[in-house]
Amino acid sequence: ESGGGLVQAGSSLRLSCVVSGRTFVTDVMAWFR
Protein backbone atom coordinates (compact mmCIF):
# COMPACT_ATOMS: atom_id res chain seq x y z
CA GLU A 1 0.00 0.00 0.00
CA SER A 2 0.94 3.62 -0.48
CA GLY A 3 -0.64 7.05 -0.62
CA GLY A 4 -1.36 7.77 3.00
CA GLY A 5 -0.20 10.81 4.86
CA LEU A 6 -1.13 13.71 7.09
CA VAL A 7 -3.89 15.82 5.57
CA GLN A 8 -6.39 18.43 6.63
CA ALA A 9 -10.04 17.68 7.08
CA GLY A 10 -11.98 18.17 3.87
CA SER A 11 -9.14 17.13 1.59
CA SER A 12 -8.86 13.97 -0.49
CA LEU A 13 -6.46 11.07 -0.84
CA ARG A 14 -6.04 8.22 -3.25
CA LEU A 15 -4.50 5.13 -1.75
CA SER A 16 -2.83 2.54 -3.95
CA CYS A 17 -2.30 -1.18 -3.53
CA VAL A 18 0.17 -2.79 -5.92
CA VAL A 19 -0.25 -6.53 -6.27
CA SER A 20 2.43 -9.01 -7.26
CA GLY A 21 2.20 -12.75 -7.66
CA ARG A 22 -0.52 -14.94 -9.04
CA THR A 23 -3.97 -13.49 -9.31
CA PHE A 24 -7.21 -14.68 -10.83
CA VAL A 25 -10.04 -12.67 -12.30
CA THR A 26 -12.41 -13.75 -9.55
CA ASP A 27 -10.07 -12.82 -6.73
CA VAL A 28 -11.40 -10.21 -4.35
CA MET A 29 -9.33 -7.18 -3.45
CA ALA A 30 -10.45 -5.19 -0.47
CA TRP A 31 -9.62 -2.22 1.70
CA PHE A 32 -9.92 -2.30 5.45
CA ARG A 33 -8.98 0.25 8.05
ModelCIF file with pLDDT and N, C-alpha, C, O atoms, coordinates in Angstrom:
data_MODEL
#
_entry.id   MODEL 
#
_entity.id                         1 
_entity.type                       polymer 
_entity.pdbx_number_of_molecules   1 
#
_entity_poly.entity_id                      1 
_entity_poly.type                           'polypeptide(L)' 
_entity_poly.nstd_linkage                   no 
_entity_poly.nstd_monomer                   no 
_entity_poly.pdbx_seq_one_letter_code       ESGGGLVQAGSSLRLSCVVSGRTFVTDVMAWFR 
_entity_poly.pdbx_seq_one_letter_code_can   ESGGGLVQAGSSLRLSCVVSGRTFVTDVMAWFR 
_entity_poly.pdbx_strand_id                 A 
#
loop_
_entity_poly_seq.entity_id 
_entity_poly_seq.num 
_entity_poly_seq.mon_id 
_entity_poly_seq.hetero 
1 1  GLU n 
1 2  SER n 
1 3  GLY n 
1 4  GLY n 
1 5  GLY n 
1 6  LEU n 
1 7  VAL n 
1 8  GLN n 
1 9  ALA n 
1 10 GLY n 
1 11 SER n 
1 12 SER n 
1 13 LEU n 
1 14 ARG n 
1 15 LEU n 
1 16 SER n 
1 17 CYS n 
1 18 VAL n 
1 19 VAL n 
1 20 SER n 
1 21 GLY n 
1 22 ARG n 
1 23 THR n 
1 24 PHE n 
1 25 VAL n 
1 26 THR n 
1 27 ASP n 
1 28 VAL n 
1 29 MET n 
1 30 ALA n 
1 31 TRP n 
1 32 PHE n 
1 33 ARG n 
#
_struct_asym.id          A 
_struct_asym.entity_id   1 
#
loop_
_ma_qa_metric.id 
_ma_qa_metric.mode 
_ma_qa_metric.name 
_ma_qa_metric.software_group_id 
_ma_qa_metric.type 
1 global pLDDT . pLDDT 
2 local  pLDDT . pLDDT 
#
_ma_qa_metric_global.metric_id      1 
_ma_qa_metric_global.metric_value   95.70 
_ma_qa_metric_global.model_id       1 
_ma_qa_metric_global.ordinal_id     1 
#
loop_
_ma_qa_metric_local.label_asym_id 
_ma_qa_metric_local.label_comp_id 
_ma_qa_metric_local.label_seq_id 
_ma_qa_metric_local.metric_id 
_ma_qa_metric_local.metric_value 
_ma_qa_metric_local.model_id 
_ma_qa_metric_local.ordinal_id 
A GLU 1  2 98.00 1 1  
A SER 2  2 98.00 1 2  
A GLY 3  2 98.00 1 3  
A GLY 4  2 98.00 1 4  
A GLY 5  2 98.00 1 5  
A LEU 6  2 98.00 1 6  
A VAL 7  2 98.00 1 7  
A GLN 8  2 98.00 1 8  
A ALA 9  2 98.00 1 9  
A GLY 10 2 98.00 1 10 
A SER 11 2 98.00 1 11 
A SER 12 2 98.00 1 12 
A LEU 13 2 98.00 1 13 
A ARG 14 2 98.00 1 14 
A LEU 15 2 98.00 1 15 
A SER 16 2 98.00 1 16 
A CYS 17 2 98.00 1 17 
A VAL 18 2 97.00 1 18 
A VAL 19 2 96.00 1 19 
A SER 20 2 95.00 1 20 
A GLY 21 2 89.00 1 21 
A ARG 22 2 81.00 1 22 
A THR 23 2 85.00 1 23 
A PHE 24 2 89.00 1 24 
A VAL 25 2 88.00 1 25 
A THR 26 2 91.00 1 26 
A ASP 27 2 95.00 1 27 
A VAL 28 2 97.00 1 28 
A MET 29 2 97.00 1 29 
A ALA 30 2 98.00 1 30 
A TRP 31 2 98.00 1 31 
A PHE 32 2 98.00 1 32 
A ARG 33 2 98.00 1 33 
#
loop_
_atom_site.group_PDB 
_atom_site.id 
_atom_site.type_symbol 
_atom_site.label_atom_id 
_atom_site.label_alt_id 
_atom_site.label_comp_id 
_atom_site.label_asym_id 
_atom_site.label_entity_id 
_atom_site.label_seq_id 
_atom_site.pdbx_PDB_ins_code 
_atom_site.Cartn_x 
_atom_site.Cartn_y 
_atom_site.Cartn_z 
_atom_site.occupancy 
_atom_site.B_iso_or_equiv 
_atom_site.pdbx_formal_charge 
_atom_site.auth_seq_id 
_atom_site.auth_comp_id 
_atom_site.auth_asym_id 
_atom_site.auth_atom_id 
_atom_site.pdbx_PDB_model_num 
ATOM 1   N N  . GLU A 1 1  ? 0.827   -1.195  0.000   1.00 98.00 ? 1  GLU A N  1 
ATOM 2   C CA . GLU A 1 1  ? 0.000   0.000   0.000   1.00 98.00 ? 1  GLU A CA 1 
ATOM 3   C C  . GLU A 1 1  ? 0.866   1.250   0.000   1.00 98.00 ? 1  GLU A C  1 
ATOM 4   O O  . GLU A 1 1  ? 2.005   1.240   0.466   1.00 98.00 ? 1  GLU A O  1 
ATOM 5   N N  . SER A 1 2  ? 0.300   2.325   -0.532  1.00 98.00 ? 2  SER A N  1 
ATOM 6   C CA . SER A 1 2  ? 0.942   3.623   -0.477  1.00 98.00 ? 2  SER A CA 1 
ATOM 7   C C  . SER A 1 2  ? -0.132  4.692   -0.626  1.00 98.00 ? 2  SER A C  1 
ATOM 8   O O  . SER A 1 2  ? -1.284  4.390   -0.935  1.00 98.00 ? 2  SER A O  1 
ATOM 9   N N  . GLY A 1 3  ? 0.254   5.936   -0.404  1.00 98.00 ? 3  GLY A N  1 
ATOM 10  C CA . GLY A 1 3  ? -0.643  7.051   -0.625  1.00 98.00 ? 3  GLY A CA 1 
ATOM 11  C C  . GLY A 1 3  ? -1.166  7.721   0.617   1.00 98.00 ? 3  GLY A C  1 
ATOM 12  O O  . GLY A 1 3  ? -1.809  8.767   0.528   1.00 98.00 ? 3  GLY A O  1 
ATOM 13  N N  . GLY A 1 4  ? -0.908  7.148   1.777   1.00 98.00 ? 4  GLY A N  1 
ATOM 14  C CA . GLY A 1 4  ? -1.359  7.768   3.004   1.00 98.00 ? 4  GLY A CA 1 
ATOM 15  C C  . GLY A 1 4  ? -0.518  8.975   3.361   1.00 98.00 ? 4  GLY A C  1 
ATOM 16  O O  . GLY A 1 4  ? 0.474   9.284   2.701   1.00 98.00 ? 4  GLY A O  1 
ATOM 17  N N  . GLY A 1 5  ? -0.931  9.644   4.410   1.00 98.00 ? 5  GLY A N  1 
ATOM 18  C CA . GLY A 1 5  ? -0.204  10.813  4.858   1.00 98.00 ? 5  GLY A CA 1 
ATOM 19  C C  . GLY A 1 5  ? -1.009  11.621  5.838   1.00 98.00 ? 5  GLY A C  1 
ATOM 20  O O  . GLY A 1 5  ? -2.090  11.215  6.266   1.00 98.00 ? 5  GLY A O  1 
ATOM 21  N N  . LEU A 1 6  ? -0.472  12.772  6.190   1.00 98.00 ? 6  LEU A N  1 
ATOM 22  C CA . LEU A 1 6  ? -1.126  13.714  7.087   1.00 98.00 ? 6  LEU A CA 1 
ATOM 23  C C  . LEU A 1 6  ? -1.804  14.780  6.245   1.00 98.00 ? 6  LEU A C  1 
ATOM 24  O O  . LEU A 1 6  ? -1.146  15.496  5.490   1.00 98.00 ? 6  LEU A O  1 
ATOM 25  N N  . VAL A 1 7  ? -3.116  14.885  6.375   1.00 98.00 ? 7  VAL A N  1 
ATOM 26  C CA . VAL A 1 7  ? -3.890  15.817  5.568   1.00 98.00 ? 7  VAL A CA 1 
ATOM 27  C C  . VAL A 1 7  ? -4.889  16.554  6.446   1.00 98.00 ? 7  VAL A C  1 
ATOM 28  O O  . VAL A 1 7  ? -5.198  16.130  7.560   1.00 98.00 ? 7  VAL A O  1 
ATOM 29  N N  . GLN A 1 8  ? -5.378  17.652  5.928   1.00 98.00 ? 8  GLN A N  1 
ATOM 30  C CA . GLN A 1 8  ? -6.388  18.427  6.625   1.00 98.00 ? 8  GLN A CA 1 
ATOM 31  C C  . GLN A 1 8  ? -7.782  17.899  6.331   1.00 98.00 ? 8  GLN A C  1 
ATOM 32  O O  . GLN A 1 8  ? -8.045  17.361  5.255   1.00 98.00 ? 8  GLN A O  1 
ATOM 33  N N  . ALA A 1 9  ? -8.655  18.057  7.287   1.00 98.00 ? 9  ALA A N  1 
ATOM 34  C CA . ALA A 1 9  ? -10.039 17.681  7.083   1.00 98.00 ? 9  ALA A CA 1 
ATOM 35  C C  . ALA A 1 9  ? -10.605 18.385  5.853   1.00 98.00 ? 9  ALA A C  1 
ATOM 36  O O  . ALA A 1 9  ? -10.339 19.563  5.615   1.00 98.00 ? 9  ALA A O  1 
ATOM 37  N N  . GLY A 1 10 ? -11.386 17.645  5.084   1.00 98.00 ? 10 GLY A N  1 
ATOM 38  C CA . GLY A 1 10 ? -11.977 18.174  3.875   1.00 98.00 ? 10 GLY A CA 1 
ATOM 39  C C  . GLY A 1 10 ? -11.186 17.882  2.616   1.00 98.00 ? 10 GLY A C  1 
ATOM 40  O O  . GLY A 1 10 ? -11.705 18.053  1.513   1.00 98.00 ? 10 GLY A O  1 
ATOM 41  N N  . SER A 1 11 ? -9.959  17.450  2.750   1.00 98.00 ? 11 SER A N  1 
ATOM 42  C CA . SER A 1 11 ? -9.137  17.133  1.592   1.00 98.00 ? 11 SER A CA 1 
ATOM 43  C C  . SER A 1 11 ? -9.401  15.703  1.131   1.00 98.00 ? 11 SER A C  1 
ATOM 44  O O  . SER A 1 11 ? -10.237 14.998  1.695   1.00 98.00 ? 11 SER A O  1 
ATOM 45  N N  . SER A 1 12 ? -8.673  15.289  0.094   1.00 98.00 ? 12 SER A N  1 
ATOM 46  C CA . SER A 1 12 ? -8.857  13.969  -0.495  1.00 98.00 ? 12 SER A CA 1 
ATOM 47  C C  . SER A 1 12 ? -7.531  13.243  -0.609  1.00 98.00 ? 12 SER A C  1 
ATOM 48  O O  . SER A 1 12 ? -6.469  13.861  -0.683  1.00 98.00 ? 12 SER A O  1 
ATOM 49  N N  . LEU A 1 13 ? -7.610  11.930  -0.622  1.00 98.00 ? 13 LEU A N  1 
ATOM 50  C CA . LEU A 1 13 ? -6.458  11.070  -0.836  1.00 98.00 ? 13 LEU A CA 1 
ATOM 51  C C  . LEU A 1 13 ? -6.844  9.932   -1.763  1.00 98.00 ? 13 LEU A C  1 
ATOM 52  O O  . LEU A 1 13 ? -7.997  9.503   -1.794  1.00 98.00 ? 13 LEU A O  1 
ATOM 53  N N  . ARG A 1 14 ? -5.879  9.456   -2.507  1.00 98.00 ? 14 ARG A N  1 
ATOM 54  C CA . ARG A 1 14 ? -6.041  8.224   -3.254  1.00 98.00 ? 14 ARG A CA 1 
ATOM 55  C C  . ARG A 1 14 ? -4.969  7.243   -2.813  1.00 98.00 ? 14 ARG A C  1 
ATOM 56  O O  . ARG A 1 14 ? -3.779  7.460   -3.040  1.00 98.00 ? 14 ARG A O  1 
ATOM 57  N N  . LEU A 1 15 ? -5.400  6.178   -2.191  1.00 98.00 ? 15 LEU A N  1 
ATOM 58  C CA . LEU A 1 15 ? -4.502  5.130   -1.751  1.00 98.00 ? 15 LEU A CA 1 
ATOM 59  C C  . LEU A 1 15 ? -4.320  4.113   -2.866  1.00 98.00 ? 15 LEU A C  1 
ATOM 60  O O  . LEU A 1 15 ? -5.235  3.869   -3.652  1.00 98.00 ? 15 LEU A O  1 
ATOM 61  N N  . SER A 1 16 ? -3.139  3.526   -2.928  1.00 98.00 ? 16 SER A N  1 
ATOM 62  C CA . SER A 1 16 ? -2.829  2.537   -3.947  1.00 98.00 ? 16 SER A CA 1 
ATOM 63  C C  . SER A 1 16 ? -2.395  1.237   -3.301  1.00 98.00 ? 16 SER A C  1 
ATOM 64  O O  . SER A 1 16 ? -1.762  1.232   -2.245  1.00 98.00 ? 16 SER A O  1 
ATOM 65  N N  . CYS A 1 17 ? -2.740  0.144   -3.943  1.00 98.00 ? 17 CYS A N  1 
ATOM 66  C CA . CYS A 1 17 ? -2.304  -1.184  -3.532  1.00 98.00 ? 17 CYS A CA 1 
ATOM 67  C C  . CYS A 1 17 ? -1.768  -1.887  -4.767  1.00 98.00 ? 17 CYS A C  1 
ATOM 68  O O  . CYS A 1 17 ? -2.529  -2.225  -5.674  1.00 98.00 ? 17 CYS A O  1 
ATOM 69  N N  . VAL A 1 18 ? -0.470  -2.106  -4.805  1.00 97.00 ? 18 VAL A N  1 
ATOM 70  C CA . VAL A 1 18 ? 0.166   -2.786  -5.918  1.00 97.00 ? 18 VAL A CA 1 
ATOM 71  C C  . VAL A 1 18 ? 0.286   -4.264  -5.580  1.00 97.00 ? 18 VAL A C  1 
ATOM 72  O O  . VAL A 1 18 ? 0.782   -4.633  -4.515  1.00 97.00 ? 18 VAL A O  1 
ATOM 73  N N  . VAL A 1 19 ? -0.168  -5.092  -6.490  1.00 96.00 ? 19 VAL A N  1 
ATOM 74  C CA . VAL A 1 19 ? -0.250  -6.530  -6.268  1.00 96.00 ? 19 VAL A CA 1 
ATOM 75  C C  . VAL A 1 19 ? 0.779   -7.244  -7.124  1.00 96.00 ? 19 VAL A C  1 
ATOM 76  O O  . VAL A 1 19 ? 0.895   -6.974  -8.319  1.00 96.00 ? 19 VAL A O  1 
ATOM 77  N N  . SER A 1 20 ? 1.516   -8.142  -6.525  1.00 95.00 ? 20 SER A N  1 
ATOM 78  C CA . SER A 1 20 ? 2.430   -9.006  -7.259  1.00 95.00 ? 20 SER A CA 1 
ATOM 79  C C  . SER A 1 20 ? 2.113   -10.455 -6.934  1.00 95.00 ? 20 SER A C  1 
ATOM 80  O O  . SER A 1 20 ? 1.530   -10.761 -5.893  1.00 95.00 ? 20 SER A O  1 
ATOM 81  N N  . GLY A 1 21 ? 2.504   -11.342 -7.838  1.00 89.00 ? 21 GLY A N  1 
ATOM 82  C CA . GLY A 1 21 ? 2.204   -12.749 -7.658  1.00 89.00 ? 21 GLY A CA 1 
ATOM 83  C C  . GLY A 1 21 ? 0.987   -13.169 -8.464  1.00 89.00 ? 21 GLY A C  1 
ATOM 84  O O  . GLY A 1 21 ? 0.428   -12.385 -9.231  1.00 89.00 ? 21 GLY A O  1 
ATOM 85  N N  . ARG A 1 22 ? 0.596   -14.392 -8.281  1.00 81.00 ? 22 ARG A N  1 
ATOM 86  C CA . ARG A 1 22 ? -0.518  -14.941 -9.043  1.00 81.00 ? 22 ARG A CA 1 
ATOM 87  C C  . ARG A 1 22 ? -1.840  -14.363 -8.590  1.00 81.00 ? 22 ARG A C  1 
ATOM 88  O O  . ARG A 1 22 ? -2.134  -14.287 -7.397  1.00 81.00 ? 22 ARG A O  1 
ATOM 89  N N  . THR A 1 23 ? -2.625  -13.958 -9.565  1.00 85.00 ? 23 THR A N  1 
ATOM 90  C CA . THR A 1 23 ? -3.973  -13.493 -9.306  1.00 85.00 ? 23 THR A CA 1 
ATOM 91  C C  . THR A 1 23 ? -4.921  -14.120 -10.317 1.00 85.00 ? 23 THR A C  1 
ATOM 92  O O  . THR A 1 23 ? -4.508  -14.564 -11.388 1.00 85.00 ? 23 THR A O  1 
ATOM 93  N N  . PHE A 1 24 ? -6.173  -14.146 -9.963  1.00 89.00 ? 24 PHE A N  1 
ATOM 94  C CA . PHE A 1 24 ? -7.206  -14.679 -10.831 1.00 89.00 ? 24 PHE A CA 1 
ATOM 95  C C  . PHE A 1 24 ? -8.326  -13.658 -10.927 1.00 89.00 ? 24 PHE A C  1 
ATOM 96  O O  . PHE A 1 24 ? -8.518  -12.840 -10.027 1.00 89.00 ? 24 PHE A O  1 
ATOM 97  N N  . VAL A 1 25 ? -9.060  -13.716 -12.025 1.00 88.00 ? 25 VAL A N  1 
ATOM 98  C CA . VAL A 1 25 ? -10.040 -12.673 -12.296 1.00 88.00 ? 25 VAL A CA 1 
ATOM 99  C C  . VAL A 1 25 ? -11.138 -12.631 -11.251 1.00 88.00 ? 25 VAL A C  1 
ATOM 100 O O  . VAL A 1 25 ? -11.776 -11.595 -11.067 1.00 88.00 ? 25 VAL A O  1 
ATOM 101 N N  . THR A 1 26 ? -11.366 -13.728 -10.573 1.00 91.00 ? 26 THR A N  1 
ATOM 102 C CA . THR A 1 26 ? -12.408 -13.755 -9.553  1.00 91.00 ? 26 THR A CA 1 
ATOM 103 C C  . THR A 1 26 ? -11.896 -13.412 -8.159  1.00 91.00 ? 26 THR A C  1 
ATOM 104 O O  . THR A 1 26 ? -12.679 -13.337 -7.212  1.00 91.00 ? 26 THR A O  1 
ATOM 105 N N  . ASP A 1 27 ? -10.603 -13.205 -8.028  1.00 95.00 ? 27 ASP A N  1 
ATOM 106 C CA . ASP A 1 27 ? -10.067 -12.820 -6.729  1.00 95.00 ? 27 ASP A CA 1 
ATOM 107 C C  . ASP A 1 27 ? -10.697 -11.521 -6.261  1.00 95.00 ? 27 ASP A C  1 
ATOM 108 O O  . ASP A 1 27 ? -11.008 -10.638 -7.059  1.00 95.00 ? 27 ASP A O  1 
ATOM 109 N N  . VAL A 1 28 ? -10.879 -11.423 -4.963  1.00 97.00 ? 28 VAL A N  1 
ATOM 110 C CA . VAL A 1 28 ? -11.405 -10.213 -4.349  1.00 97.00 ? 28 VAL A CA 1 
ATOM 111 C C  . VAL A 1 28 ? -10.261 -9.406  -3.753  1.00 97.00 ? 28 VAL A C  1 
ATOM 112 O O  . VAL A 1 28 ? -9.420  -9.935  -3.027  1.00 97.00 ? 28 VAL A O  1 
ATOM 113 N N  . MET A 1 29 ? -10.243 -8.132  -4.069  1.00 97.00 ? 29 MET A N  1 
ATOM 114 C CA . MET A 1 29 ? -9.334  -7.185  -3.454  1.00 97.00 ? 29 MET A CA 1 
ATOM 115 C C  . MET A 1 29 ? -10.156 -6.248  -2.587  1.00 97.00 ? 29 MET A C  1 
ATOM 116 O O  . MET A 1 29 ? -11.218 -5.781  -2.999  1.00 97.00 ? 29 MET A O  1 
ATOM 117 N N  . ALA A 1 30 ? -9.672  -5.979  -1.405  1.00 98.00 ? 30 ALA A N  1 
ATOM 118 C CA . ALA A 1 30 ? -10.452 -5.190  -0.467  1.00 98.00 ? 30 ALA A CA 1 
ATOM 119 C C  . ALA A 1 30 ? -9.575  -4.200  0.279   1.00 98.00 ? 30 ALA A C  1 
ATOM 120 O O  . ALA A 1 30 ? -8.360  -4.364  0.391   1.00 98.00 ? 30 ALA A O  1 
ATOM 121 N N  . TRP A 1 31 ? -10.225 -3.181  0.779   1.00 98.00 ? 31 TRP A N  1 
ATOM 122 C CA . TRP A 1 31 ? -9.616  -2.223  1.696   1.00 98.00 ? 31 TRP A CA 1 
ATOM 123 C C  . TRP A 1 31 ? -10.298 -2.331  3.050   1.00 98.00 ? 31 TRP A C  1 
ATOM 124 O O  . TRP A 1 31 ? -11.525 -2.368  3.152   1.00 98.00 ? 31 TRP A O  1 
ATOM 125 N N  . PHE A 1 32 ? -9.480  -2.379  4.073   1.00 98.00 ? 32 PHE A N  1 
ATOM 126 C CA . PHE A 1 32 ? -9.921  -2.303  5.455   1.00 98.00 ? 32 PHE A CA 1 
ATOM 127 C C  . PHE A 1 32 ? -9.193  -1.150  6.125   1.00 98.00 ? 32 PHE A C  1 
ATOM 128 O O  . PHE A 1 32 ? -8.191  -0.651  5.613   1.00 98.00 ? 32 PHE A O  1 
ATOM 129 N N  . ARG A 1 33 ? -9.700  -0.741  7.259   1.00 98.00 ? 33 ARG A N  1 
ATOM 130 C CA . ARG A 1 33 ? -8.984  0.248   8.049   1.00 98.00 ? 33 ARG A CA 1 
ATOM 131 C C  . ARG A 1 33 ? -9.082  -0.115  9.519   1.00 98.00 ? 33 ARG A C  1 
ATOM 132 O O  . ARG A 1 33 ? -8.542  0.594   10.367  1.00 98.00 ? 33 ARG A O  1 
#
